[in-house]
Amino acid sequence: EESSGEISVFFFEDEKVKYGLPIMPDSLDQPLKMIKQRDHYSCTFCGY
């Protein structure tokens, strides 16, 4: 966040893109506390 309030974003190259927290509308509406399938999961609060 720049001093003007605008957001500057720097991206990973496509081959370096990681698993991350999805930010599409409604994507965080059903958080989990039990894992039913092995996979990558992201913390809904910090994105870890």
All heavy atoms as atom14 arrays in JSON, in Angstrom:
{
  "sequence": "EESSGEISVFFFEDEKVKYGLPIMPDSLDQPLKMIKQRDHYSCTFCGY",
  "atom14_mask": [
    [1, 1, 1, 1, 1, 1, 1, 1, 1, 0, 0, 0, 0, 0],
    [1, 1, 1, 1, 1, 1, 1, 1, 1, 0, 0, 0, 0, 0],
    [1, 1, 1, 1, 1, 1, 0, 0, 0, 0, 0, 0, 0, 0],
    [1, 1, 1, 1, 1, 1, 0, 0, 0, 0, 0, 0, 0, 0],
    [1, 1, 1, 1, 0, 0, 0, 0, 0, 0, 0, 0, 0, 0],
    [1, 1, 1, 1, 1, 1, 1, 1, 1, 0, 0, 0, 0, 0],
    [1, 1, 1, 1, 1, 1, 1, 1, 0, 0, 0, 0, 0, 0],
    [1, 1, 1, 1, 1, 1, 0, 0, 0, 0, 0, 0, 0, 0],
    [1, 1, 1, 1, 1, 1, 1, 0, 0, 0, 0, 0, 0, 0],
    [1, 1, 1, 1, 1, 1, 1, 1, 1, 1, 1, 0, 0, 0],
    [1, 1, 1, 1, 1, 1, 1, 1, 1, 1, 1, 0, 0, 0],
    [1, 1, 1, 1, 1, 1, 1, 1, 1, 1, 1, 0, 0, 0],
    [1, 1, 1, 1, 1, 1, 1, 1, 1, 0, 0, 0, 0, 0],
    [1, 1, 1, 1, 1, 1, 1, 1, 0, 0, 0, 0, 0, 0],
    [1, 1, 1, 1, 1, 1, 1, 1, 1, 0, 0, 0, 0, 0],
    [1, 1, 1, 1, 1, 1, 1, 1, 1, 0, 0, 0, 0, 0],
    [1, 1, 1, 1, 1, 1, 1, 0, 0, 0, 0, 0, 0, 0],
    [1, 1, 1, 1, 1, 1, 1, 1, 1, 0, 0, 0, 0, 0],
    [1, 1, 1, 1, 1, 1, 1, 1, 1, 1, 1, 1, 0, 0],
    [1, 1, 1, 1, 0, 0, 0, 0, 0, 0, 0, 0, 0, 0],
    [1, 1, 1, 1, 1, 1, 1, 1, 0, 0, 0, 0, 0, 0],
    [1, 1, 1, 1, 1, 1, 1, 0, 0, 0, 0, 0, 0, 0],
    [1, 1, 1, 1, 1, 1, 1, 1, 0, 0, 0, 0, 0, 0],
    [1, 1, 1, 1, 1, 1, 1, 1, 0, 0, 0, 0, 0, 0],
    [1, 1, 1, 1, 1, 1, 1, 0, 0, 0, 0, 0, 0, 0],
    [1, 1, 1, 1, 1, 1, 1, 1, 0, 0, 0, 0, 0, 0],
    [1, 1, 1, 1, 1, 1, 0, 0, 0, 0, 0, 0, 0, 0],
    [1, 1, 1, 1, 1, 1, 1, 1, 0, 0, 0, 0, 0, 0],
    [1, 1, 1, 1, 1, 1, 1, 1, 0, 0, 0, 0, 0, 0],
    [1, 1, 1, 1, 1, 1, 1, 1, 1, 0, 0, 0, 0, 0],
    [1, 1, 1, 1, 1, 1, 1, 0, 0, 0, 0, 0, 0, 0],
    [1, 1, 1, 1, 1, 1, 1, 1, 0, 0, 0, 0, 0, 0],
    [1, 1, 1, 1, 1, 1, 1, 1, 1, 0, 0, 0, 0, 0],
    [1, 1, 1, 1, 1, 1, 1, 1, 0, 0, 0, 0, 0, 0],
    [1, 1, 1, 1, 1, 1, 1, 1, 0, 0, 0, 0, 0, 0],
    [1, 1, 1, 1, 1, 1, 1, 1, 1, 0, 0, 0, 0, 0],
    [1, 1, 1, 1, 1, 1, 1, 1, 1, 0, 0, 0, 0, 0],
    [1, 1, 1, 1, 1, 1, 1, 1, 1, 1, 1, 0, 0, 0],
    [1, 1, 1, 1, 1, 1, 1, 1, 0, 0, 0, 0, 0, 0],
    [1, 1, 1, 1, 1, 1, 1, 1, 1, 1, 0, 0, 0, 0],
    [1, 1, 1, 1, 1, 1, 1, 1, 1, 1, 1, 1, 0, 0],
    [1, 1, 1, 1, 1, 1, 0, 0, 0, 0, 0, 0, 0, 0],
    [1, 1, 1, 1, 1, 1, 0, 0, 0, 0, 0, 0, 0, 0],
    [1, 1, 1, 1, 1, 1, 1, 0, 0, 0, 0, 0, 0, 0],
    [1, 1, 1, 1, 1, 1, 1, 1, 1, 1, 1, 0, 0, 0],
    [1, 1, 1, 1, 1, 1, 0, 0, 0, 0, 0, 0, 0, 0],
    [1, 1, 1, 1, 0, 0, 0, 0, 0, 0, 0, 0, 0, 0],
    [1, 1, 1, 1, 1, 1, 1, 1, 1, 1, 1, 1, 0, 0]
  ],
  "atom14_positions": [
    [[0.85, -1.18, 0.0], [0.0, 0.0, 0.0], [0.9, 1.24, 0.0], [1.66, 1.46, 0.93], [-0.93, 0.02, 1.21], [-1.9, 1.19, 1.17], [-2.79, 1.27, 2.39], [-2.33, 0.9, 3.49], [-3.94, 1.73, 2.26], [0.0, 0.0, 0.0], [0.0, 0.0, 0.0], [0.0, 0.0, 0.0], [0.0, 0.0, 0.0], [0.0, 0.0, 0.0]],
    [[0.81, 2.02, -1.07], [1.63, 3.22, -1.19], [1.09, 4.33, -0.29], [-0.03, 4.25, 0.22], [1.67, 3.68, -2.65], [2.11, 2.62, -3.64], [3.56, 2.19, -3.48], [4.29, 2.83, -2.71], [3.96, 1.2, -4.13], [0.0, 0.0, 0.0], [0.0, 0.0, 0.0], [0.0, 0.0, 0.0], [0.0, 0.0, 0.0], [0.0, 0.0, 0.0]],
    [[1.88, 5.36, -0.1], [1.46, 6.47, 0.76], [0.24, 7.19, 0.2], [-0.49, 7.85, 0.94], [2.61, 7.47, 0.96], [3.09, 7.93, -0.3], [0.0, 0.0, 0.0], [0.0, 0.0, 0.0], [0.0, 0.0, 0.0], [0.0, 0.0, 0.0], [0.0, 0.0, 0.0], [0.0, 0.0, 0.0], [0.0, 0.0, 0.0], [0.0, 0.0, 0.0]],
    [[-0.01, 7.06, -1.1], [-1.2, 7.66, -1.73], [-2.45, 6.85, -1.47], [-3.55, 7.29, -1.77], [-0.98, 7.78, -3.24], [-0.86, 6.5, -3.84], [0.0, 0.0, 0.0], [0.0, 0.0, 0.0], [0.0, 0.0, 0.0], [0.0, 0.0, 0.0], [0.0, 0.0, 0.0], [0.0, 0.0, 0.0], [0.0, 0.0, 0.0], [0.0, 0.0, 0.0]],
    [[-2.29, 5.62, -0.92], [-3.44, 4.74, -0.69], [-3.63, 3.71, -1.79], [-4.42, 2.77, -1.64], [0.0, 0.0, 0.0], [0.0, 0.0, 0.0], [0.0, 0.0, 0.0], [0.0, 0.0, 0.0], [0.0, 0.0, 0.0], [0.0, 0.0, 0.0], [0.0, 0.0, 0.0], [0.0, 0.0, 0.0], [0.0, 0.0, 0.0], [0.0, 0.0, 0.0]],
    [[-2.92, 3.84, -2.91], [-3.03, 2.86, -3.98], [-2.23, 1.6, -3.64], [-1.3, 1.64, -2.84], [-2.52, 3.47, -5.29], [-3.38, 4.61, -5.81], [-2.98, 5.06, -7.21], [-2.44, 4.21, -7.95], [-3.19, 6.22, -7.54], [0.0, 0.0, 0.0], [0.0, 0.0, 0.0], [0.0, 0.0, 0.0], [0.0, 0.0, 0.0], [0.0, 0.0, 0.0]],
    [[-2.66, 0.47, -4.24], [-2.02, -0.81, -3.99], [-1.12, -1.19, -5.17], [-1.59, -1.25, -6.31], [-3.05, -1.92, -3.76], [-4.06, -1.53, -2.67], [-2.36, -3.24, -3.41], [-3.47, -1.38, -1.3], [0.0, 0.0, 0.0], [0.0, 0.0, 0.0], [0.0, 0.0, 0.0], [0.0, 0.0, 0.0], [0.0, 0.0, 0.0], [0.0, 0.0, 0.0]],
    [[0.16, -1.4, -4.9], [1.09, -1.92, -5.92], [1.23, -3.41, -5.71], [1.45, -3.87, -4.59], [2.46, -1.24, -5.79], [2.37, 0.15, -6.0], [0.0, 0.0, 0.0], [0.0, 0.0, 0.0], [0.0, 0.0, 0.0], [0.0, 0.0, 0.0], [0.0, 0.0, 0.0], [0.0, 0.0, 0.0], [0.0, 0.0, 0.0], [0.0, 0.0, 0.0]],
    [[1.1, -4.19, -6.79], [1.16, -5.64, -6.69], [2.28, -6.17, -7.59], [2.39, -5.8, -8.76], [-0.19, -6.29, -7.11], [-0.11, -7.8, -6.96], [-1.34, -5.72, -6.28], [0.0, 0.0, 0.0], [0.0, 0.0, 0.0], [0.0, 0.0, 0.0], [0.0, 0.0, 0.0], [0.0, 0.0, 0.0], [0.0, 0.0, 0.0], [0.0, 0.0, 0.0]],
    [[3.11, -7.06, -7.02], [4.18, -7.72, -7.76], [3.89, -9.21, -7.77], [3.66, -9.81, -6.72], [5.54, -7.42, -7.12], [5.84, -5.94, -7.05], [5.44, -5.18, -5.96], [6.51, -5.32, -8.09], [5.71, -3.82, -5.91], [6.78, -3.95, -8.05], [6.36, -3.2, -6.96], [0.0, 0.0, 0.0], [0.0, 0.0, 0.0], [0.0, 0.0, 0.0]],
    [[3.91, -9.81, -8.97], [3.45, -11.18, -9.14], [4.6, -12.17, -9.26], [5.68, -11.85, -9.75], [2.58, -11.28, -10.41], [1.38, -10.37, -10.39], [1.4, -9.17, -11.09], [0.25, -10.7, -9.67], [0.3, -8.32, -11.07], [-0.85, -9.86, -9.65], [-0.82, -8.67, -10.36], [0.0, 0.0, 0.0], [0.0, 0.0, 0.0], [0.0, 0.0, 0.0]],
    [[4.32, -13.41, -8.82], [5.22, -14.51, -9.14], [5.11, -14.82, -10.63], [4.05, -14.64, -11.23], [4.82, -15.77, -8.35], [5.2, -15.74, -6.9], [4.22, -15.76, -5.91], [6.52, -15.74, -6.5], [4.55, -15.75, -4.57], [6.88, -15.74, -5.16], [5.89, -15.73, -4.2], [0.0, 0.0, 0.0], [0.0, 0.0, 0.0], [0.0, 0.0, 0.0]],
    [[6.2, -15.3, -11.21], [6.12, -15.83, -12.56], [5.22, -17.07, -12.53], [5.11, -17.74, -11.5], [7.52, -16.18, -13.07], [8.43, -14.97, -13.2], [9.85, -15.35, -13.59], [10.09, -16.55, -13.86], [10.71, -14.45, -13.61], [0.0, 0.0, 0.0], [0.0, 0.0, 0.0], [0.0, 0.0, 0.0], [0.0, 0.0, 0.0], [0.0, 0.0, 0.0]],
    [[4.59, -17.4, -13.65], [3.61, -18.49, -13.69], [4.15, -19.79, -13.11], [3.46, -20.49, -12.36], [3.13, -18.73, -15.12], [2.1, -17.7, -15.56], [1.65, -16.9, -14.7], [1.75, -17.67, -16.75], [0.0, 0.0, 0.0], [0.0, 0.0, 0.0], [0.0, 0.0, 0.0], [0.0, 0.0, 0.0], [0.0, 0.0, 0.0], [0.0, 0.0, 0.0]],
    [[5.4, -20.11, -13.42], [5.95, -21.39, -12.96], [6.26, -21.37, -11.45], [6.52, -22.43, -10.86], [7.22, -21.76, -13.74], [8.37, -20.77, -13.66], [8.28, -19.69, -14.73], [7.2, -19.53, -15.35], [9.3, -19.0, -14.95], [0.0, 0.0, 0.0], [0.0, 0.0, 0.0], [0.0, 0.0, 0.0], [0.0, 0.0, 0.0], [0.0, 0.0, 0.0]],
    [[6.23, -20.19, -10.84], [6.52, -20.08, -9.4], [5.26, -19.82, -8.57], [5.36, -19.65, -7.34], [7.54, -18.97, -9.16], [8.92, -19.27, -9.74], [9.9, -18.16, -9.42], [11.28, -18.47, -10.0], [12.25, -17.39, -9.7], [0.0, 0.0, 0.0], [0.0, 0.0, 0.0], [0.0, 0.0, 0.0], [0.0, 0.0, 0.0], [0.0, 0.0, 0.0]],
    [[4.09, -19.77, -9.22], [2.83, -19.53, -8.49], [2.62, -20.65, -7.47], [2.81, -21.84, -7.78], [1.64, -19.46, -9.47], [0.32, -19.53, -8.72], [1.71, -18.17, -10.28], [0.0, 0.0, 0.0], [0.0, 0.0, 0.0], [0.0, 0.0, 0.0], [0.0, 0.0, 0.0], [0.0, 0.0, 0.0], [0.0, 0.0, 0.0], [0.0, 0.0, 0.0]],
    [[2.24, -20.3, -6.24], [2.08, -21.26, -5.16], [0.6, -21.53, -4.89], [-0.28, -20.82, -5.37], [2.73, -20.71, -3.88], [4.14, -20.18, -4.08], [4.85, -19.9, -2.77], [4.05, -19.01, -1.85], [4.75, -18.69, -0.6], [0.0, 0.0, 0.0], [0.0, 0.0, 0.0], [0.0, 0.0, 0.0], [0.0, 0.0, 0.0], [0.0, 0.0, 0.0]],
    [[0.34, -22.52, -4.06], [-1.0, -22.68, -3.51], [-1.26, -21.5, -2.57], [-0.36, -21.09, -1.83], [-1.12, -23.98, -2.72], [-1.32, -25.22, -3.58], [-0.23, -25.95, -4.03], [-2.61, -25.64, -3.92], [-0.41, -27.09, -4.81], [-2.79, -26.77, -4.7], [-1.7, -27.48, -5.15], [-1.88, -28.6, -5.92], [0.0, 0.0, 0.0], [0.0, 0.0, 0.0]],
    [[-2.48, -20.96, -2.64], [-2.78, -19.81, -1.8], [-4.26, -19.69, -1.49], [-5.1, -20.44, -2.01], [0.0, 0.0, 0.0], [0.0, 0.0, 0.0], [0.0, 0.0, 0.0], [0.0, 0.0, 0.0], [0.0, 0.0, 0.0], [0.0, 0.0, 0.0], [0.0, 0.0, 0.0], [0.0, 0.0, 0.0], [0.0, 0.0, 0.0], [0.0, 0.0, 0.0]],
    [[-4.57, -18.73, -0.64], [-5.95, -18.47, -0.22], [-6.78, -17.95, -1.38], [-6.45, -16.92, -1.97], [-5.96, -17.44, 0.92], [-7.32, -17.05, 1.48], [-7.92, -18.21, 2.28], [-7.2, -15.8, 2.36], [0.0, 0.0, 0.0], [0.0, 0.0, 0.0], [0.0, 0.0, 0.0], [0.0, 0.0, 0.0], [0.0, 0.0, 0.0], [0.0, 0.0, 0.0]],
    [[-7.86, -18.65, -1.77], [-8.72, -18.12, -2.84], [-9.48, -16.9, -2.38], [-9.93, -16.83, -1.23], [-9.67, -19.3, -3.14], [-9.67, -20.12, -1.9], [-8.33, -19.94, -1.26], [0.0, 0.0, 0.0], [0.0, 0.0, 0.0], [0.0, 0.0, 0.0], [0.0, 0.0, 0.0], [0.0, 0.0, 0.0], [0.0, 0.0, 0.0], [0.0, 0.0, 0.0]],
    [[-9.63, -15.91, -3.26], [-10.28, -14.65, -2.86], [-11.51, -14.34, -3.72], [-11.97, -13.2, -3.74], [-9.28, -13.48, -2.92], [-8.74, -13.29, -4.35], [-8.15, -13.68, -1.93], [-7.92, -12.02, -4.52], [0.0, 0.0, 0.0], [0.0, 0.0, 0.0], [0.0, 0.0, 0.0], [0.0, 0.0, 0.0], [0.0, 0.0, 0.0], [0.0, 0.0, 0.0]],
    [[-12.01, -15.34, -4.42], [-13.22, -15.13, -5.21], [-14.42, -14.94, -4.27], [-14.39, -15.39, -3.13], [-13.45, -16.31, -6.15], [-12.29, -16.54, -7.12], [-11.91, -15.1, -8.13], [-13.32, -15.12, -9.25], [0.0, 0.0, 0.0], [0.0, 0.0, 0.0], [0.0, 0.0, 0.0], [0.0, 0.0, 0.0], [0.0, 0.0, 0.0], [0.0, 0.0, 0.0]],
    [[-15.49, -14.25, -4.75], [-16.67, -14.04, -3.89], [-17.2, -15.37, -3.33], [-17.26, -16.37, -4.05], [-17.68, -13.4, -4.84], [-16.84, -12.74, -5.88], [-15.65, -13.61, -6.06], [0.0, 0.0, 0.0], [0.0, 0.0, 0.0], [0.0, 0.0, 0.0], [0.0, 0.0, 0.0], [0.0, 0.0, 0.0], [0.0, 0.0, 0.0], [0.0, 0.0, 0.0]],
    [[-17.54, -15.37, -2.07], [-18.11, -16.53, -1.36], [-17.12, -17.66, -1.14], [-17.5, -18.71, -0.59], [-19.34, -17.09, -2.09], [-20.42, -16.03, -2.33], [-20.55, -15.15, -1.45], [-21.1, -16.08, -3.37], [0.0, 0.0, 0.0], [0.0, 0.0, 0.0], [0.0, 0.0, 0.0], [0.0, 0.0, 0.0], [0.0, 0.0, 0.0], [0.0, 0.0, 0.0]],
    [[-15.86, -17.49, -1.52], [-14.9, -18.6, -1.38], [-14.56, -18.89, 0.09], [-14.09, -19.99, 0.41], [-13.62, -18.3, -2.16], [-12.99, -17.13, -1.67], [0.0, 0.0, 0.0], [0.0, 0.0, 0.0], [0.0, 0.0, 0.0], [0.0, 0.0, 0.0], [0.0, 0.0, 0.0], [0.0, 0.0, 0.0], [0.0, 0.0, 0.0], [0.0, 0.0, 0.0]],
    [[-14.8, -17.94, 0.98], [-14.47, -18.13, 2.4], [-15.69, -18.38, 3.26], [-15.61, -18.35, 4.48], [-13.71, -16.9, 2.93], [-12.46, -16.46, 2.16], [-11.82, -15.26, 2.84], [-11.47, -17.6, 2.04], [0.0, 0.0, 0.0], [0.0, 0.0, 0.0], [0.0, 0.0, 0.0], [0.0, 0.0, 0.0], [0.0, 0.0, 0.0], [0.0, 0.0, 0.0]],
    [[-16.84, -18.63, 2.61], [-18.1, -18.74, 3.35], [-18.24, -20.03, 4.15], [-19.03, -20.1, 5.09], [-19.3, -18.62, 2.39], [-19.5, -17.18, 1.93], [-18.81, -16.3, 2.46], [-20.34, -16.95, 1.04], [0.0, 0.0, 0.0], [0.0, 0.0, 0.0], [0.0, 0.0, 0.0], [0.0, 0.0, 0.0], [0.0, 0.0, 0.0], [0.0, 0.0, 0.0]],
    [[-17.5, -21.07, 3.79], [-17.64, -22.36, 4.47], [-16.27, -22.86, 4.94], [-15.71, -23.81, 4.39], [-18.29, -23.39, 3.54], [-19.73, -23.0, 3.17], [-20.38, -24.02, 2.26], [-19.72, -24.71, 1.48], [-21.7, -24.13, 2.36], [0.0, 0.0, 0.0], [0.0, 0.0, 0.0], [0.0, 0.0, 0.0], [0.0, 0.0, 0.0], [0.0, 0.0, 0.0]],
    [[-15.73, -22.21, 5.98], [-14.41, -22.63, 6.49], [-14.49, -24.01, 7.14], [-15.54, -24.44, 7.61], [-14.08, -21.55, 7.52], [-15.4, -21.0, 7.93], [-16.28, -21.08, 6.73], [0.0, 0.0, 0.0], [0.0, 0.0, 0.0], [0.0, 0.0, 0.0], [0.0, 0.0, 0.0], [0.0, 0.0, 0.0], [0.0, 0.0, 0.0], [0.0, 0.0, 0.0]],
    [[-13.35, -24.7, 7.14], [-13.28, -26.07, 7.66], [-12.46, -26.13, 8.94], [-11.49, -25.4, 9.11], [-12.63, -26.97, 6.61], [-13.26, -26.99, 5.2], [-12.35, -27.75, 4.24], [-14.64, -27.62, 5.25], [0.0, 0.0, 0.0], [0.0, 0.0, 0.0], [0.0, 0.0, 0.0], [0.0, 0.0, 0.0], [0.0, 0.0, 0.0], [0.0, 0.0, 0.0]],
    [[-12.88, -27.04, 9.83], [-12.07, -27.37, 11.0], [-11.69, -28.85, 11.0], [-10.86, -29.28, 11.79], [-12.84, -27.02, 12.28], [-13.05, -25.51, 12.46], [-13.6, -25.17, 13.82], [-13.74, -23.66, 13.99], [-14.2, -23.26, 15.34], [0.0, 0.0, 0.0], [0.0, 0.0, 0.0], [0.0, 0.0, 0.0], [0.0, 0.0, 0.0], [0.0, 0.0, 0.0]],
    [[-12.34, -29.59, 10.11], [-12.02, -31.0, 9.91], [-11.64, -31.22, 8.44], [-12.33, -30.73, 7.54], [-13.2, -31.9, 10.27], [-13.53, -31.94, 11.76], [-12.24, -32.78, 12.73], [-12.33, -34.45, 12.05], [0.0, 0.0, 0.0], [0.0, 0.0, 0.0], [0.0, 0.0, 0.0], [0.0, 0.0, 0.0], [0.0, 0.0, 0.0], [0.0, 0.0, 0.0]],
    [[-10.56, -31.92, 8.21], [-10.09, -32.18, 6.85], [-10.56, -33.58, 6.42], [-10.25, -34.58, 7.07], [-8.55, -32.1, 6.77], [-8.06, -30.73, 7.3], [-8.08, -32.33, 5.34], [-8.59, -29.54, 6.56], [0.0, 0.0, 0.0], [0.0, 0.0, 0.0], [0.0, 0.0, 0.0], [0.0, 0.0, 0.0], [0.0, 0.0, 0.0], [0.0, 0.0, 0.0]],
    [[-11.31, -33.62, 5.33], [-11.84, -34.89, 4.84], [-11.03, -35.46, 3.68], [-11.17, -36.63, 3.33], [-13.29, -34.71, 4.4], [-14.23, -34.33, 5.54], [-15.66, -34.18, 5.05], [-16.58, -33.8, 6.2], [-17.99, -33.64, 5.74], [0.0, 0.0, 0.0], [0.0, 0.0, 0.0], [0.0, 0.0, 0.0], [0.0, 0.0, 0.0], [0.0, 0.0, 0.0]],
    [[-10.18, -34.63, 3.09], [-9.4, -35.07, 1.93], [-8.02, -34.42, 1.97], [-7.9, -33.21, 2.19], [-10.14, -34.71, 0.64], [-9.42, -35.15, -0.62], [-10.2, -34.77, -1.88], [-11.37, -34.42, -1.81], [-9.55, -34.84, -3.02], [0.0, 0.0, 0.0], [0.0, 0.0, 0.0], [0.0, 0.0, 0.0], [0.0, 0.0, 0.0], [0.0, 0.0, 0.0]],
    [[-7.0, -35.21, 1.75], [-5.65, -34.67, 1.74], [-5.49, -33.66, 0.61], [-5.83, -33.93, -0.54], [-4.64, -35.81, 1.55], [-3.2, -35.35, 1.47], [-2.28, -36.52, 1.25], [-0.92, -36.06, 0.99], [0.11, -36.88, 0.73], [-0.08, -38.2, 0.7], [1.31, -36.38, 0.51], [0.0, 0.0, 0.0], [0.0, 0.0, 0.0], [0.0, 0.0, 0.0]],
    [[-4.99, -32.48, 0.95], [-4.84, -31.42, -0.06], [-4.12, -30.24, 0.6], [-3.75, -30.3, 1.78], [-6.21, -30.99, -0.59], [-6.13, -30.44, -2.01], [-5.04, -29.96, -2.4], [-7.15, -30.47, -2.72], [0.0, 0.0, 0.0], [0.0, 0.0, 0.0], [0.0, 0.0, 0.0], [0.0, 0.0, 0.0], [0.0, 0.0, 0.0], [0.0, 0.0, 0.0]],
    [[-3.96, -29.18, -0.17], [-3.41, -27.94, 0.39], [-4.55, -27.09, 0.92], [-5.58, -26.91, 0.25], [-2.63, -27.17, -0.68], [-1.33, -27.8, -1.03], [-1.23, -28.86, -1.92], [-0.05, -27.54, -0.61], [0.03, -29.21, -2.04], [0.77, -28.44, -1.26], [0.0, 0.0, 0.0], [0.0, 0.0, 0.0], [0.0, 0.0, 0.0], [0.0, 0.0, 0.0]],
    [[-4.34, -26.52, 2.12], [-5.37, -25.69, 2.76], [-4.73, -24.39, 3.24], [-3.56, -24.35, 3.63], [-6.02, -26.43, 3.93], [-6.87, -27.61, 3.48], [-6.27, -28.84, 3.22], [-8.23, -27.47, 3.28], [-7.03, -29.93, 2.79], [-9.0, -28.55, 2.84], [-8.39, -29.77, 2.6], [-9.15, -30.82, 2.17], [0.0, 0.0, 0.0], [0.0, 0.0, 0.0]],
    [[-5.56, -23.32, 3.2], [-5.09, -21.99, 3.61], [-5.88, -21.48, 4.8], [-7.11, -21.67, 4.87], [-5.23, -20.99, 2.45], [-4.47, -21.38, 1.33], [0.0, 0.0, 0.0], [0.0, 0.0, 0.0], [0.0, 0.0, 0.0], [0.0, 0.0, 0.0], [0.0, 0.0, 0.0], [0.0, 0.0, 0.0], [0.0, 0.0, 0.0], [0.0, 0.0, 0.0]],
    [[-5.18, -20.83, 5.72], [-5.84, -20.18, 6.85], [-6.68, -19.02, 6.33], [-6.19, -18.18, 5.58], [-4.78, -19.68, 7.84], [-5.44, -18.66, 9.17], [0.0, 0.0, 0.0], [0.0, 0.0, 0.0], [0.0, 0.0, 0.0], [0.0, 0.0, 0.0], [0.0, 0.0, 0.0], [0.0, 0.0, 0.0], [0.0, 0.0, 0.0], [0.0, 0.0, 0.0]],
    [[-7.93, -18.97, 6.74], [-8.82, -17.91, 6.23], [-8.47, -16.54, 6.79], [-8.9, -15.53, 6.25], [-10.29, -18.22, 6.59], [-10.42, -18.33, 8.02], [-10.75, -19.52, 5.96], [0.0, 0.0, 0.0], [0.0, 0.0, 0.0], [0.0, 0.0, 0.0], [0.0, 0.0, 0.0], [0.0, 0.0, 0.0], [0.0, 0.0, 0.0], [0.0, 0.0, 0.0]],
    [[-7.66, -16.49, 7.84], [-7.33, -15.21, 8.47], [-6.05, -14.59, 7.9], [-6.03, -13.4, 7.56], [-7.18, -15.38, 9.98], [-6.93, -14.09, 10.73], [-7.98, -13.21, 10.96], [-5.66, -13.76, 11.18], [-7.76, -12.01, 11.63], [-5.45, -12.57, 11.85], [-6.49, -11.7, 12.08], [0.0, 0.0, 0.0], [0.0, 0.0, 0.0], [0.0, 0.0, 0.0]],
    [[-5.01, -15.4, 7.76], [-3.71, -14.83, 7.35], [-3.21, -15.36, 6.01], [-2.23, -14.84, 5.47], [-2.65, -15.07, 8.42], [-2.15, -16.81, 8.57], [0.0, 0.0, 0.0], [0.0, 0.0, 0.0], [0.0, 0.0, 0.0], [0.0, 0.0, 0.0], [0.0, 0.0, 0.0], [0.0, 0.0, 0.0], [0.0, 0.0, 0.0], [0.0, 0.0, 0.0]],
    [[-3.86, -16.4, 5.48], [-3.44, -16.93, 4.19], [-2.33, -17.96, 4.25], [-1.89, -18.45, 3.21], [0.0, 0.0, 0.0], [0.0, 0.0, 0.0], [0.0, 0.0, 0.0], [0.0, 0.0, 0.0], [0.0, 0.0, 0.0], [0.0, 0.0, 0.0], [0.0, 0.0, 0.0], [0.0, 0.0, 0.0], [0.0, 0.0, 0.0], [0.0, 0.0, 0.0]],
    [[-1.85, -18.27, 5.47], [-0.82, -19.3, 5.59], [-1.33, -20.6, 4.98], [-2.47, -21.02, 5.22], [-0.45, -19.52, 7.06], [0.5, -20.69, 7.29], [1.86, -20.55, 7.03], [0.02, -21.91, 7.75], [2.73, -21.62, 7.24], [0.87, -22.98, 7.95], [2.22, -22.83, 7.69], [3.07, -23.9, 7.89], [0.0, 0.0, 0.0], [0.0, 0.0, 0.0]]
  ]
}
